[in-house]
C-alpha atoms as a PDB file:
ATOM      1  CA  MET A   1     -26.991 -19.861 -21.097  1.00  0.00           C
ATOM      2  CA  ARG A   2     -27.881 -18.696 -24.652  1.00  0.00           C
ATOM      3  CA  GLY A   3     -30.966 -20.954 -24.054  1.00  0.00           C
ATOM      4  CA  VAL A   4     -31.444 -19.061 -20.620  1.00  0.00           C
ATOM      5  CA  ALA A   5     -31.048 -15.601 -21.970  1.00  0.00           C
ATOM      6  CA  GLU A   6     -33.586 -16.369 -25.016  1.00  0.00           C
ATOM      7  CA  LYS A   7     -36.229 -17.700 -22.512  1.00  0.00           C
ATOM      8  CA  ALA A   8     -35.739 -14.783 -20.229  1.00  0.00           C
ATOM      9  CA  PHE A   9     -36.036 -12.481 -22.993  1.00  0.00           C
ATOM     10  CA  LEU A  10     -39.138 -13.956 -24.415  1.00  0.00           C
ATOM     11  CA  SER A  11     -40.809 -13.445 -21.112  1.00  0.00           C
ATOM     12  CA  LYS A  12     -39.966  -9.776 -21.273  1.00  0.00           C
ATOM     13  CA  TRP A  13     -37.287  -9.370 -18.783  1.00  0.00           C
ATOM     14  CA  ASN A  14     -33.988  -7.587 -19.777  1.00  0.00           C
ATOM     15  CA  VAL A  15     -31.105  -9.774 -20.310  1.00  0.00           C
ATOM     16  CA  LEU A  16     -27.351  -9.337 -20.016  1.00  0.00           C
ATOM     17  CA  ARG A  17     -25.110 -12.160 -21.116  1.00  0.00           C
ATOM     18  CA  VAL A  18     -21.538 -11.807 -19.836  1.00  0.00           C
ATOM     19  CA  ASN A  19     -18.686 -13.341 -21.399  1.00  0.00           C
ATOM     20  CA  GLN A  20     -15.866 -14.223 -19.051  1.00  0.00           C
ATOM     21  CA  ARG A  21     -12.479 -12.255 -19.968  1.00  0.00           C
ATOM     22  CA  ASN A  22     -11.049 -13.731 -22.659  1.00  0.00           C
ATOM     23  CA  CYS A  23     -14.049 -15.420 -24.421  1.00  0.00           C
ATOM     24  CA  GLY A  24     -16.156 -14.898 -27.014  1.00  0.00           C
ATOM     25  CA  GLY A  25     -13.221 -12.777 -28.870  1.00  0.00           C
ATOM     26  CA  THR A  26     -12.498 -10.505 -26.060  1.00  0.00           C
ATOM     27  CA  GLU A  27      -9.011 -11.370 -25.547  1.00  0.00           C
ATOM     28  CA  ARG A  28      -7.513  -7.752 -26.803  1.00  0.00           C
ATOM     29  CA  LEU A  29      -9.436  -6.193 -23.775  1.00  0.00           C
ATOM     30  CA  THR A  30      -7.843  -6.687 -21.155  1.00  0.00           C
ATOM     31  CA  PRO A  31      -3.997  -8.418 -20.340  1.00  0.00           C
ATOM     32  CA  THR A  32      -5.480 -10.392 -17.551  1.00  0.00           C
ATOM     33  CA  VAL A  33      -6.655 -14.293 -17.732  1.00  0.00           C
ATOM     34  CA  TYR A  34     -10.109 -15.135 -16.158  1.00  0.00           C
ATOM     35  CA  ASN A  35     -10.118 -17.573 -13.347  1.00  0.00           C
ATOM     36  CA  SER A  36     -12.760 -19.061 -10.934  1.00  0.00           C
ATOM     37  CA  GLY A  37     -12.056 -16.840  -8.312  1.00  0.00           C
ATOM     38  CA  LEU A  38     -12.901 -13.254 -10.603  1.00  0.00           C
ATOM     39  CA  SER A  39     -16.436 -12.473  -8.378  1.00  0.00           C
ATOM     40  CA  GLY A  40     -15.255  -9.202  -8.416  1.00  0.00           C
ATOM     41  CA  ASP A  41     -16.378  -8.420 -11.879  1.00  0.00           C
ATOM     42  CA  TYR A  42     -20.206  -9.798 -10.982  1.00  0.00           C
ATOM     43  CA  HIS A  43     -20.125  -7.223  -7.941  1.00  0.00           C
ATOM     44  CA  ALA A  44     -19.000  -4.660 -10.580  1.00  0.00           C
ATOM     45  CA  VAL A  45     -21.623  -5.498 -12.898  1.00  0.00           C
ATOM     46  CA  LEU A  46     -24.538  -5.355 -10.085  1.00  0.00           C
ATOM     47  CA  ALA A  47     -23.002  -2.206  -9.017  1.00  0.00           C
ATOM     48  CA  GLU A  48     -23.370  -0.656 -12.545  1.00  0.00           C
ATOM     49  CA  LEU A  49     -27.001  -1.817 -12.997  1.00  0.00           C
ATOM     50  CA  ILE A  50     -28.255  -0.467  -9.832  1.00  0.00           C
ATOM     51  CA  GLU A  51     -26.370   2.899 -10.122  1.00  0.00           C
ATOM     52  CA  ARG A  52     -26.601   3.396 -13.693  1.00  0.00           C
ATOM     53  CA  ASP A  53     -29.699   1.351 -14.953  1.00  0.00           C
ATOM     54  CA  ALA A  54     -31.314   1.722 -12.102  1.00  0.00           C
ATOM     55  CA  LEU A  55     -32.939  -1.602 -12.094  1.00  0.00           C
ATOM     56  CA  ARG A  56     -34.968  -2.432  -8.882  1.00  0.00           C
ATOM     57  CA  LYS A  57     -34.485  -6.562  -9.037  1.00  0.00           C
ATOM     58  CA  ILE A  58     -31.764  -8.454 -10.487  1.00  0.00           C
ATOM     59  CA  PHE A  59     -30.722 -11.986 -10.804  1.00  0.00           C
ATOM     60  CA  PHE A  60     -27.669 -13.604 -11.511  1.00  0.00           C
ATOM     61  CA  ALA A  61     -27.305 -17.236 -13.101  1.00  0.00           C
ATOM     62  CA  GLY A  62     -24.186 -19.019 -14.116  1.00  0.00           C
ATOM     63  CA  TYR A  63     -23.439 -22.715 -15.370  1.00  0.00           C
ATOM     64  CA  SER A  64     -20.265 -24.554 -14.209  1.00  0.00           C
ATOM     65  CA  MET A  65     -17.100 -21.857 -13.510  1.00  0.00           C
ATOM     66  CA  GLY A  66     -20.069 -19.448 -13.724  1.00  0.00           C
ATOM     67  CA  GLY A  67     -22.038 -20.695 -11.364  1.00  0.00           C
ATOM     68  CA  ASN A  68     -19.279 -20.635  -8.802  1.00  0.00           C
ATOM     69  CA  LEU A  69     -18.481 -17.049  -9.672  1.00  0.00           C
ATOM     70  CA  VAL A  70     -22.297 -16.046  -9.132  1.00  0.00           C
ATOM     71  CA  LEU A  71     -22.760 -18.049  -5.765  1.00  0.00           C
ATOM     72  CA  LYS A  72     -19.600 -16.614  -4.668  1.00  0.00           C
ATOM     73  CA  MET A  73     -20.346 -12.895  -5.391  1.00  0.00           C
ATOM     74  CA  ALA A  74     -23.734 -13.753  -3.406  1.00  0.00           C
ATOM     75  CA  GLY A  75     -21.466 -15.583  -0.303  1.00  0.00           C
ATOM     76  CA  GLU A  76     -19.150 -12.428  -0.264  1.00  0.00           C
ATOM     77  CA  LEU A  77     -21.897  -9.813   0.106  1.00  0.00           C
ATOM     78  CA  GLY A  78     -23.525 -11.718   2.661  1.00  0.00           C
ATOM     79  CA  ALA A  79     -26.090 -10.138   4.917  1.00  0.00           C
ATOM     80  CA  ALA A  80     -25.010  -6.575   3.007  1.00  0.00           C
ATOM     81  CA  ALA A  81     -26.441  -7.703  -0.189  1.00  0.00           C
ATOM     82  CA  PRO A  82     -28.515  -4.879  -1.605  1.00  0.00           C
ATOM     83  CA  SER A  83     -32.038  -5.367  -1.962  1.00  0.00           C
ATOM     84  CA  GLU A  84     -31.727  -5.135  -5.953  1.00  0.00           C
ATOM     85  CA  LEU A  85     -30.170  -8.502  -6.032  1.00  0.00           C
ATOM     86  CA  ALA A  86     -33.146 -10.838  -5.986  1.00  0.00           C
ATOM     87  CA  GLY A  87     -31.771 -13.978  -6.490  1.00  0.00           C
ATOM     88  CA  VAL A  88     -29.011 -16.116  -7.833  1.00  0.00           C
ATOM     89  CA  CYS A  89     -29.241 -19.315  -9.908  1.00  0.00           C
ATOM     90  CA  GLY A  90     -26.334 -21.862 -10.000  1.00  0.00           C
ATOM     91  CA  VAL A  91     -26.503 -24.892 -12.763  1.00  0.00           C
ATOM     92  CA  CYS A  92     -23.605 -27.380 -12.158  1.00  0.00           C
ATOM     93  CA  PRO A  93     -21.852 -25.133  -9.820  1.00  0.00           C
ATOM     94  CA  THR A  94     -17.894 -25.939  -9.240  1.00  0.00           C
ATOM     95  CA  ILE A  95     -17.896 -24.753  -5.986  1.00  0.00           C
ATOM     96  CA  ASP A  96     -15.247 -26.814  -5.065  1.00  0.00           C
ATOM     97  CA  LEU A  97     -12.499 -26.387  -7.004  1.00  0.00           C
ATOM     98  CA  ALA A  98     -10.450 -28.923  -5.675  1.00  0.00           C
ATOM     99  CA  ALA A  99     -13.059 -31.641  -5.761  1.00  0.00           C
ATOM    100  CA  CYS A 100     -13.893 -31.117  -9.463  1.00  0.00           C
ATOM    101  CA  VAL A 101     -10.462 -30.869 -10.493  1.00  0.00           C
ATOM    102  CA  ASP A 102      -9.551 -34.445  -8.650  1.00  0.00           C
ATOM    103  CA  ALA A 103     -12.843 -35.914 -10.730  1.00  0.00           C
ATOM    104  CA  LEU A 104     -10.949 -34.504 -13.938  1.00  0.00           C
ATOM    105  CA  ALA A 105      -8.407 -36.567 -13.108  1.00  0.00           C
ATOM    106  CA  ARG A 106     -10.081 -39.670 -13.007  1.00  0.00           C
ATOM    107  CA  PRO A 107      -9.432 -42.587 -15.845  1.00  0.00           C
ATOM    108  CA  GLY A 108     -13.406 -42.206 -17.213  1.00  0.00           C
ATOM    109  CA  ASN A 109     -12.787 -38.707 -17.474  1.00  0.00           C
ATOM    110  CA  ALA A 110      -9.766 -38.520 -19.778  1.00  0.00           C
ATOM    111  CA  PHE A 111     -11.762 -37.302 -22.602  1.00  0.00           C
ATOM    112  CA  TYR A 112     -12.719 -33.699 -20.639  1.00  0.00           C
ATOM    113  CA  GLN A 113      -9.402 -33.396 -19.281  1.00  0.00           C
ATOM    114  CA  TRP A 114      -7.639 -33.744 -22.947  1.00  0.00           C
ATOM    115  CA  HIS A 115     -10.711 -31.579 -23.993  1.00  0.00           C
ATOM    116  CA  PHE A 116     -10.263 -28.606 -21.352  1.00  0.00           C
ATOM    117  CA  VAL A 117      -6.355 -28.862 -21.345  1.00  0.00           C
ATOM    118  CA  ARG A 118      -6.131 -28.105 -25.185  1.00  0.00           C
ATOM    119  CA  ARG A 119      -8.716 -25.538 -25.256  1.00  0.00           C
ATOM    120  CA  LEU A 120      -6.831 -24.036 -22.563  1.00  0.00           C
ATOM    121  CA  LYS A 121      -3.383 -23.937 -24.073  1.00  0.00           C
ATOM    122  CA  THR A 122      -4.891 -22.833 -27.225  1.00  0.00           C
ATOM    123  CA  ARG A 123      -6.134 -19.648 -25.349  1.00  0.00           C
ATOM    124  CA  ILE A 124      -3.060 -18.842 -23.773  1.00  0.00           C
ATOM    125  CA  ARG A 125      -1.012 -19.031 -26.695  1.00  0.00           C
ATOM    126  CA  ARG A 126      -3.281 -16.765 -28.614  1.00  0.00           C
ATOM    127  CA  LYS A 127      -3.066 -14.527 -25.321  1.00  0.00           C
ATOM    128  CA  GLU A 128       0.519 -14.452 -25.073  1.00  0.00           C
ATOM    129  CA  ARG A 129       0.640 -13.284 -28.757  1.00  0.00           C
ATOM    130  CA  LEU A 130      -1.227 -10.042 -28.141  1.00  0.00           C
ATOM    131  CA  TYR A 131       0.655  -9.104 -25.067  1.00  0.00           C
ATOM    132  CA  PRO A 132       4.551 -10.599 -25.408  1.00  0.00           C
ATOM    133  CA  GLY A 133       6.209 -11.422 -22.741  1.00  0.00           C
ATOM    134  CA  ARG A 134       3.435 -11.159 -20.032  1.00  0.00           C
ATOM    135  CA  PHE A 135       2.997 -15.031 -19.431  1.00  0.00           C
ATOM    136  CA  ARG A 136       5.454 -17.687 -18.928  1.00  0.00           C
ATOM    137  CA  ILE A 137       4.480 -20.545 -21.425  1.00  0.00           C
ATOM    138  CA  ASP A 138       7.997 -22.148 -21.831  1.00  0.00           C
ATOM    139  CA  LYS A 139       6.642 -24.810 -19.606  1.00  0.00           C
ATOM    140  CA  LEU A 140       3.278 -25.353 -21.485  1.00  0.00           C
ATOM    141  CA  GLY A 141       4.072 -28.267 -23.520  1.00  0.00           C
ATOM    142  CA  ARG A 142       4.547 -30.346 -20.174  1.00  0.00           C
ATOM    143  CA  VAL A 143       1.312 -30.058 -19.073  1.00  0.00           C
ATOM    144  CA  ARG A 144      -1.471 -32.553 -19.341  1.00  0.00           C
ATOM    145  CA  THR A 145      -3.707 -31.878 -16.820  1.00  0.00           C
ATOM    146  CA  VAL A 146      -5.853 -28.863 -15.568  1.00  0.00           C
ATOM    147  CA  ARG A 147      -4.003 -28.923 -12.267  1.00  0.00           C
ATOM    148  CA  GLU A 148      -1.029 -28.816 -13.937  1.00  0.00           C
ATOM    149  CA  PHE A 149      -2.359 -25.785 -16.214  1.00  0.00           C
ATOM    150  CA  ASP A 150      -3.421 -23.886 -13.230  1.00  0.00           C
ATOM    151  CA  ASP A 151       0.132 -24.314 -11.212  1.00  0.00           C
ATOM    152  CA  VAL A 152       1.795 -23.321 -14.395  1.00  0.00           C
ATOM    153  CA  ILE A 153      -0.307 -20.223 -15.823  1.00  0.00           C
ATOM    154  CA  THR A 154      -3.446 -19.616 -13.534  1.00  0.00           C
ATOM    155  CA  ALA A 155      -2.114 -19.167 -10.255  1.00  0.00           C
ATOM    156  CA  PRO A 156       1.130 -17.165 -11.011  1.00  0.00           C
ATOM    157  CA  ASN A 157      -0.918 -14.998 -13.365  1.00  0.00           C
ATOM    158  CA  SER A 158      -4.050 -14.182 -10.945  1.00  0.00           C
ATOM    159  CA  GLY A 159      -2.105 -13.524  -7.423  1.00  0.00           C
ATOM    160  CA  TYR A 160      -2.446 -16.898  -6.258  1.00  0.00           C
ATOM    161  CA  ARG A 161       0.807 -19.033  -4.601  1.00  0.00           C
ATOM    162  CA  ASP A 162      -0.113 -22.343  -6.407  1.00  0.00           C
ATOM    163  CA  ALA A 163      -3.186 -24.225  -7.573  1.00  0.00           C
ATOM    164  CA  VAL A 164      -3.988 -25.645  -4.092  1.00  0.00           C
ATOM    165  CA  ASP A 165      -4.031 -21.778  -2.956  1.00  0.00           C
ATOM    166  CA  TYR A 166      -5.930 -21.079  -6.035  1.00  0.00           C
ATOM    167  CA  TYR A 167      -8.618 -23.735  -5.293  1.00  0.00           C
ATOM    168  CA  ASP A 168      -9.195 -22.937  -1.841  1.00  0.00           C
ATOM    169  CA  ARG A 169      -9.314 -18.945  -2.441  1.00  0.00           C
ATOM    170  CA  ALA A 170     -11.399 -18.946  -5.202  1.00  0.00           C
ATOM    171  CA  SER A 171     -14.185 -21.928  -4.540  1.00  0.00           C
ATOM    172  CA  ALA A 172     -17.412 -20.751  -3.346  1.00  0.00           C
ATOM    173  CA  ILE A 173     -17.989 -23.414  -0.510  1.00  0.00           C
ATOM    174  CA  ARG A 174     -16.005 -21.408   1.417  1.00  0.00           C
ATOM    175  CA  VAL A 175     -18.971 -18.478   1.709  1.00  0.00           C
ATOM    176  CA  THR A 176     -22.204 -20.250   0.059  1.00  0.00           C
ATOM    177  CA  ASP A 177     -23.340 -20.315   4.023  1.00  0.00           C
ATOM    178  CA  LYS A 178     -23.215 -16.518   4.080  1.00  0.00           C
ATOM    179  CA  ILE A 179     -25.582 -16.071   0.920  1.00  0.00           C
ATOM    180  CA  SER A 180     -28.912 -14.237   1.851  1.00  0.00           C
ATOM    181  CA  VAL A 181     -30.652 -13.733  -1.045  1.00  0.00           C
ATOM    182  CA  PRO A 182     -32.838 -16.622  -3.027  1.00  0.00           C
ATOM    183  CA  THR A 183     -30.673 -19.169  -4.378  1.00  0.00           C
ATOM    184  CA  LEU A 184     -31.394 -22.210  -6.862  1.00  0.00           C
ATOM    185  CA  ILE A 185     -28.225 -24.582  -7.088  1.00  0.00           C
ATOM    186  CA  LEU A 186     -29.501 -27.154  -9.784  1.00  0.00           C
ATOM    187  CA  THR A 187     -27.052 -30.081 -10.191  1.00  0.00           C
ATOM    188  CA  ALA A 188     -26.580 -33.822 -11.192  1.00  0.00           C
ATOM    189  CA  GLN A 189     -26.165 -36.773  -9.002  1.00  0.00           C
ATOM    190  CA  ASP A 190     -24.297 -38.268 -12.012  1.00  0.00           C
ATOM    191  CA  ASP A 191     -22.547 -35.153 -13.147  1.00  0.00           C
ATOM    192  CA  PRO A 192     -18.813 -36.670 -14.172  1.00  0.00           C
ATOM    193  CA  VAL A 193     -16.948 -32.881 -13.413  1.00  0.00           C
ATOM    194  CA  VAL A 194     -18.673 -31.655 -10.405  1.00  0.00           C
ATOM    195  CA  PRO A 195     -18.818 -34.755  -7.881  1.00  0.00           C
ATOM    196  CA  PHE A 196     -22.514 -34.461  -5.897  1.00  0.00           C
ATOM    197  CA  SER A 197     -20.537 -34.968  -2.639  1.00  0.00           C
ATOM    198  CA  SER A 198     -19.246 -31.536  -3.310  1.00  0.00           C
ATOM    199  CA  ILE A 199     -22.431 -29.997  -3.120  1.00  0.00           C
ATOM    200  CA  ASP A 200     -24.257 -32.131  -1.030  1.00  0.00           C
ATOM    201  CA  THR A 201     -22.507 -30.820   2.389  1.00  0.00           C
ATOM    202  CA  ALA A 202     -23.865 -29.227   5.209  1.00  0.00           C
ATOM    203  CA  VAL A 203     -22.491 -25.709   4.513  1.00  0.00           C
ATOM    204  CA  VAL A 204     -25.318 -25.963   1.635  1.00  0.00           C
ATOM    205  CA  THR A 205     -28.227 -27.644   2.800  1.00  0.00           C
ATOM    206  CA  ARG A 206     -28.330 -25.867   6.085  1.00  0.00           C
ATOM    207  CA  ASN A 207     -28.611 -22.116   4.464  1.00  0.00           C
ATOM    208  CA  PRO A 208     -32.362 -21.729   4.369  1.00  0.00           C
ATOM    209  CA  ARG A 209     -31.644 -19.370   1.711  1.00  0.00           C
ATOM    210  CA  VAL A 210     -30.348 -22.225  -0.795  1.00  0.00           C
ATOM    211  CA  THR A 211     -32.957 -24.497  -2.463  1.00  0.00           C
ATOM    212  CA  LEU A 212     -30.727 -27.726  -3.767  1.00  0.00           C
ATOM    213  CA  VAL A 213     -32.220 -29.448  -6.740  1.00  0.00           C
ATOM    214  CA  ALA A 214     -30.446 -32.574  -8.030  1.00  0.00           C
ATOM    215  CA  PRO A 215     -32.160 -34.991 -10.066  1.00  0.00           C
ATOM    216  CA  GLU A 216     -30.436 -38.307 -10.572  1.00  0.00           C
ATOM    217  CA  HIS A 217     -29.345 -37.742 -13.988  1.00  0.00           C
ATOM    218  CA  GLY A 218     -28.334 -34.793 -15.923  1.00  0.00           C
ATOM    219  CA  GLY A 219     -24.576 -34.989 -16.560  1.00  0.00           C
ATOM    220  CA  HIS A 220     -22.574 -32.123 -16.378  1.00  0.00           C
ATOM    221  CA  CYS A 221     -24.889 -29.044 -17.494  1.00  0.00           C
ATOM    222  CA  SER A 222     -27.081 -31.101 -19.731  1.00  0.00           C
ATOM    223  CA  PHE A 223     -30.436 -31.719 -18.315  1.00  0.00           C
ATOM    224  CA  ILE A 224     -32.296 -33.249 -21.684  1.00  0.00           C
ATOM    225  CA  SER A 225     -35.504 -33.916 -20.596  1.00  0.00           C
ATOM    226  CA  ARG A 226     -37.414 -37.302 -21.709  1.00  0.00           C
ATOM    227  CA  ARG A 227     -40.692 -36.689 -20.420  1.00  0.00           C
ATOM    228  CA  ALA A 228     -43.649 -35.801 -22.709  1.00  0.00           C
ATOM    229  CA  GLY A 229     -45.072 -32.445 -22.430  1.00  0.00           C
ATOM    230  CA  TRP A 230     -41.759 -31.184 -20.284  1.00  0.00           C
ATOM    231  CA  GLU A 231     -39.399 -28.329 -21.845  1.00  0.00           C
ATOM    232  CA  ARG A 232     -36.705 -30.119 -23.321  1.00  0.00           C
ATOM    233  CA  HIS A 233     -33.968 -28.292 -22.055  1.00  0.00           C
ATOM    234  CA  TRP A 234     -35.097 -28.817 -18.584  1.00  0.00           C
ATOM    235  CA  ALA A 235     -32.374 -26.894 -16.600  1.00  0.00           C
ATOM    236  CA  GLU A 236     -32.859 -23.617 -18.604  1.00  0.00           C
ATOM    237  CA  ALA A 237     -36.793 -24.081 -17.780  1.00  0.00           C
ATOM    238  CA  CYS A 238     -35.796 -24.415 -14.091  1.00  0.00           C
ATOM    239  CA  VAL A 239     -33.559 -21.490 -13.859  1.00  0.00           C
ATOM    240  CA  VAL A 240     -36.158 -19.072 -15.631  1.00  0.00           C
ATOM    241  CA  GLU A 241     -39.132 -20.372 -13.765  1.00  0.00           C
ATOM    242  CA  PHE A 242     -37.152 -19.622 -10.309  1.00  0.00           C
ATOM    243  CA  LEU A 243     -36.381 -16.184 -11.339  1.00  0.00           C
ATOM    244  CA  ARG A 244     -40.386 -15.470 -12.386  1.00  0.00           C
ATOM    245  CA  GLY A 245     -40.838 -17.122  -9.027  1.00  0.00           C
ATOM    246  CA  HIS A 246     -39.021 -14.627  -7.041  1.00  0.00           C
ATOM    247  CA  ALA A 247     -39.577 -11.746  -9.431  1.00  0.00           C
ATOM    248  CA  GLY A 248     -43.416 -11.979  -8.331  1.00  0.00           C
ATOM    249  CA  ALA A 249     -44.016 -10.819 -11.623  1.00  0.00           C
ATOM    250  CA  PHE A 250     -45.066 -13.986 -13.465  1.00  0.00           C
ATOM    251  CA  GLU A 251     -47.595 -16.798 -12.427  1.00  0.00           C
ATOM    252  CA  SER A 252     -45.654 -19.846 -11.723  1.00  0.00           C
ATOM    253  CA  LYS A 253     -46.921 -22.533 -13.643  1.00  0.00           C
ATOM    254  CA  GLY A 254     -45.533 -25.440 -12.280  1.00  0.00           C
ATOM    255  CA  HIS A 255     -44.093 -27.498 -14.812  1.00  0.00           C
ATOM    256  CA  VAL A 256     -40.541 -27.773 -13.923  1.00  0.00           C
ATOM    257  CA  ASN A 257     -40.633 -29.142 -10.411  1.00  0.00           C
ATOM    258  CA  ALA A 258     -38.148 -31.742  -9.669  1.00  0.00           C
END
């Protein structure tokens, strides 16, 4: 996201990079925890940019969980999306949360699972110290998977019945068919975390406003180019080129076509 922000800023765009709740040292700002359903935060950002800053063309771009959130926001707006919302981009978006969590449980993804769970536990313990008594962390020691963490922490603290309810209601796949603004979904067919089958569905491919770009390789949010003369960080360049094309303010150079 820093790379996208830098490229957009150097192209003379206004750039706003948003931290999820509790990320980037923001734990003290709110007693709530982040989750993949908080698209309302992005509705609020969009409204403020329109009403207070009077911006006429606004794009949202998100990676992974952020991709799910910006796509969910656009789908919820549907045909009522304000004219100022010019487009959204999701890079390796986790639009089917249950499928992504199941993918994490595969033996080959044990390192990812361990990494995510370790960081989630560290963050919620830090949060509990700031807001004593708000979070039930007595079961945290037995948590070994992201699904278990979501059952014990995310769901009960975010208004969901359990992890199953959370994954169903928070997944952008439920509203992707309603997106009415130009949209880029960039994913890799070999993404170990976001199964390609969870994105290559009729809900996505039959929406004429959605462009799906899915190279064979790229991993999860990586996309390091090996082609001479191409931008090294390929996904970042794709996102900014998409913005340029749909903003009408820059001439397309055609150097990131997949």
